[in-house]
Every structure is written in structure tokens, then in C-alpha cells.
Amino acid sequence: MTVKLVRVDHRLIHGQVGFTWTKFLQANCILIASDALVKDSLKMTAMKMATPSGVKLVMKSIEDSVTALNSGVTDKYSLLILCESVEDVAKLASQVPAIKAINLGGMKDGADRKQVSKSVHLSPSDIELIQQLSATGVELTVQMVPDEQAVNIAKLI
């Protein structure tokens, strides 16, 4: 499997992801792994509209994403995998051994969230999940755009 990047971004596909990251990674397929998204037809339509031409878009539940990634059906693609939350990416990464690194992008502010970078705000449960993922050897970094230096999340929490 050629996973170019696994990214957490609450906006999923938008300018930075849809064009900047996809072009930089030379990804030809975006997989959005999200239980919430697959239940929201309006948001799914918006994701289709935001996908760059020439890039395949696949939207699946976490469980279906795990099955697809582990079965080999995605092996023919250069994949950019997107999740809306740390919780979703933790579920995915814990069941897909090929996921060795996760990029934390836009994660919105909230009452119980700690700002760890310009655009990443983490809840206590996010921090706990990040620490659990790190303990299994998954590298987690904060990096908004490709030309920005990636920073290990451990230095920020």
C-alpha cells in the first residue's frame, strides 16, 4: 500500500488539502475515513466538489476503510487519507499496521481544547489518544502545509 499521508483535519478537503497537499504528495486518490461523513449526503457532495480533477475520492466509514486498506484493494493508489478527528484516526491506525505516521492539520478550537499550534487545538481525550498512538511507535507531527517544517507533537503537548 502506498499511503503518502494520513492527516487529521476537521475541514477534510479544502484548499490546503485538496490542492497543496495532493499536488505535493502526487496523490491520485483521497480516502476520507469518517463514520459521520458517510451519514451526511450534503457534506459528501461538498467533498466531491472540492476534490481536484484527476484525483479519485473515496468516502468510507472507519470500519470499511480498515477493511479496504488491509485487503490490498487500495494498493494501486498513491493515497492521501483524511480523518476528521484524533478519535477517528486512532481507530483507523490501531487496526491498520501500515499507518506509521500521522499529520495533525486543522483541528478547531473549543471550550476544553488546548492550543498547541496556530491551527491545532487538542482536547484532553485527544492528548490521551495521541500518547497511546505514540507509545505504539506511530509518529505524530503538526504541519499545515508541505513547505512548513513538521514538528513532533510530543514537543507541543
Protein backbone atom coordinates (compact mmCIF):
# COMPACT_ATOMS: atom_id res chain seq x y z
CA MET A 1 0.00 0.00 0.00
CA THR A 2 1.28 3.44 -0.86
CA VAL A 3 -0.01 5.75 1.84
CA LYS A 4 1.51 9.14 1.13
CA LEU A 5 0.00 10.88 4.14
CA VAL A 6 -2.55 10.30 6.89
CA ARG A 7 -3.93 13.65 8.04
CA VAL A 8 -6.38 14.81 10.68
CA ASP A 9 -8.22 17.94 9.55
CA HIS A 10 -11.71 18.83 10.72
CA ARG A 11 -12.38 20.51 7.35
CA LEU A 12 -11.36 17.38 5.42
CA ILE A 13 -10.93 18.55 1.80
CA HIS A 14 -10.28 22.28 1.35
CA GLY A 15 -7.68 24.35 -0.49
CA GLN A 16 -4.63 23.28 1.53
CA VAL A 17 -5.55 19.62 1.40
CA GLY A 18 -7.29 19.40 -1.94
CA PHE A 19 -4.65 21.17 -3.92
CA THR A 20 -1.46 21.88 -1.96
CA TRP A 21 -1.02 18.51 -0.24
CA THR A 22 -2.43 16.44 -3.09
CA LYS A 23 -0.08 18.04 -5.60
CA PHE A 24 2.95 17.90 -3.29
CA LEU A 25 2.36 14.22 -2.49
CA GLN A 26 1.38 13.35 -6.06
CA ALA A 27 -1.60 11.54 -4.56
CA ASN A 28 -4.06 10.15 -7.08
CA CYS A 29 -6.67 9.09 -4.51
CA ILE A 30 -8.10 10.69 -1.38
CA LEU A 31 -9.68 8.34 1.15
CA ILE A 32 -11.84 10.02 3.76
CA ALA A 33 -12.34 7.68 6.71
CA SER A 34 -15.26 9.03 8.72
CA ASP A 35 -18.34 7.48 10.27
CA ALA A 36 -20.01 10.92 10.48
CA LEU A 37 -19.34 11.92 6.87
CA VAL A 38 -20.85 8.81 5.29
CA LYS A 39 -24.14 9.67 7.05
CA ASP A 40 -24.20 13.25 5.69
CA SER A 41 -25.06 13.35 1.98
CA LEU A 42 -24.76 17.15 1.78
CA LYS A 43 -21.23 17.12 3.18
CA MET A 44 -20.31 14.21 0.90
CA THR A 45 -21.44 16.29 -2.09
CA ALA A 46 -19.30 19.20 -0.86
CA MET A 47 -16.27 16.89 -0.60
CA LYS A 48 -16.83 15.69 -4.18
CA MET A 49 -16.96 19.30 -5.38
CA ALA A 50 -13.74 20.18 -3.52
CA THR A 51 -11.75 17.25 -4.92
CA PRO A 52 -9.22 18.23 -7.61
CA SER A 53 -9.87 16.88 -11.09
CA GLY A 54 -7.90 13.74 -11.84
CA VAL A 55 -7.96 12.65 -8.19
CA LYS A 56 -10.23 9.78 -7.13
CA LEU A 57 -12.29 10.38 -3.99
CA VAL A 58 -13.41 7.52 -1.76
CA MET A 59 -15.51 8.13 1.36
CA LYS A 60 -15.94 5.22 3.77
CA SER A 61 -16.77 4.50 7.38
CA ILE A 62 -13.83 3.73 9.65
CA GLU A 63 -14.64 0.01 9.57
CA ASP A 64 -14.92 -0.07 5.77
CA SER A 65 -11.70 1.94 5.46
CA VAL A 66 -9.86 -0.56 7.67
CA THR A 67 -11.14 -3.42 5.52
CA ALA A 68 -10.15 -1.71 2.27
CA LEU A 69 -6.69 -0.69 3.48
CA ASN A 70 -5.87 -4.12 4.91
CA SER A 71 -7.27 -6.09 1.96
CA GLY A 72 -4.93 -4.65 -0.65
CA VAL A 73 -7.62 -3.09 -2.87
CA THR A 74 -6.03 0.33 -2.28
CA ASP A 75 -2.52 -0.81 -3.22
CA LYS A 76 -2.80 0.59 -6.76
CA TYR A 77 -3.26 4.15 -5.46
CA SER A 78 -0.99 6.82 -4.03
CA LEU A 79 -3.25 7.60 -1.09
CA LEU A 80 -3.92 10.67 0.98
CA ILE A 81 -6.03 9.53 3.93
CA LEU A 82 -8.11 12.11 5.78
CA CYS A 83 -9.87 11.83 9.14
CA GLU A 84 -11.93 14.48 10.91
CA SER A 85 -10.69 13.78 14.42
CA VAL A 86 -7.97 12.23 16.53
CA GLU A 87 -10.56 9.69 17.69
CA ASP A 88 -11.22 8.58 14.09
CA VAL A 89 -7.54 8.38 13.15
CA ALA A 90 -6.76 6.43 16.34
CA LYS A 91 -9.44 3.86 15.44
CA LEU A 92 -8.01 3.61 11.93
CA ALA A 93 -4.33 3.45 12.92
CA SER A 94 -4.93 0.86 15.63
CA GLN A 95 -6.33 -1.53 13.02
CA VAL A 96 -4.11 -0.71 10.01
CA PRO A 97 -0.48 -1.67 10.74
CA ALA A 98 0.75 0.16 7.62
CA ILE A 99 -0.05 3.52 9.25
CA LYS A 100 3.24 4.61 10.80
CA ALA A 101 2.85 8.41 10.73
CA ILE A 102 0.00 10.89 11.19
CA ASN A 103 -0.08 14.58 10.32
CA LEU A 104 -2.20 16.84 12.51
CA GLY A 105 -3.59 19.72 10.48
CA GLY A 106 -6.60 21.90 11.22
CA MET A 107 -8.28 20.98 14.48
CA LYS A 108 -10.81 23.51 15.71
CA ASP A 109 -10.84 25.42 18.96
CA GLY A 110 -13.30 24.58 21.71
CA ALA A 111 -14.03 25.10 25.39
CA ASP A 112 -11.91 22.20 26.65
CA ARG A 113 -9.24 22.38 23.94
CA LYS A 114 -5.61 23.38 24.38
CA GLN A 115 -3.98 25.27 21.51
CA VAL A 116 -0.70 23.55 20.62
CA SER A 117 -0.05 25.33 17.32
CA LYS A 118 -1.65 28.04 15.21
CA SER A 119 -4.31 25.67 13.90
CA VAL A 120 -4.25 22.62 16.18
CA HIS A 121 -6.37 22.55 19.33
CA LEU A 122 -6.49 19.34 21.36
CA SER A 123 -8.94 18.07 23.96
CA PRO A 124 -7.73 16.03 26.93
CA SER A 125 -9.01 12.86 25.21
CA ASP A 126 -7.14 13.83 22.01
CA ILE A 127 -3.92 14.16 24.01
CA GLU A 128 -4.51 10.77 25.65
CA LEU A 129 -5.11 9.10 22.26
CA ILE A 130 -2.02 10.80 20.79
CA GLN A 131 0.08 9.49 23.66
CA GLN A 132 -1.32 5.98 23.12
CA LEU A 133 -0.55 6.13 19.39
CA SER A 134 2.96 7.44 20.09
CA ALA A 135 3.55 4.56 22.51
CA THR A 136 2.86 2.11 19.67
CA GLY A 137 5.52 3.75 17.50
CA VAL A 138 3.27 5.94 15.33
CA GLU A 139 4.93 9.29 14.58
CA LEU A 140 2.59 12.26 15.01
CA THR A 141 3.52 15.66 13.66
CA VAL A 142 1.93 19.07 13.21
CA GLN A 143 2.38 20.56 9.75
CA MET A 144 -0.18 22.74 8.00
CA VAL A 145 1.40 22.89 4.55
CA PRO A 146 4.23 20.97 2.85
CA ASP A 147 6.73 23.86 2.92
CA GLU A 148 6.30 24.27 6.68
CA GLN A 149 8.62 22.34 9.00
CA ALA A 150 6.92 19.33 10.62
CA VAL A 151 7.03 19.43 14.44
CA ASN A 152 6.70 16.30 16.56
CA ILE A 153 3.53 16.62 18.63
CA ALA A 154 5.37 15.39 21.75
CA LYS A 155 7.23 18.74 21.80
CA LEU A 156 3.94 20.63 21.87
CA ILE A 157 1.87 18.75 24.43
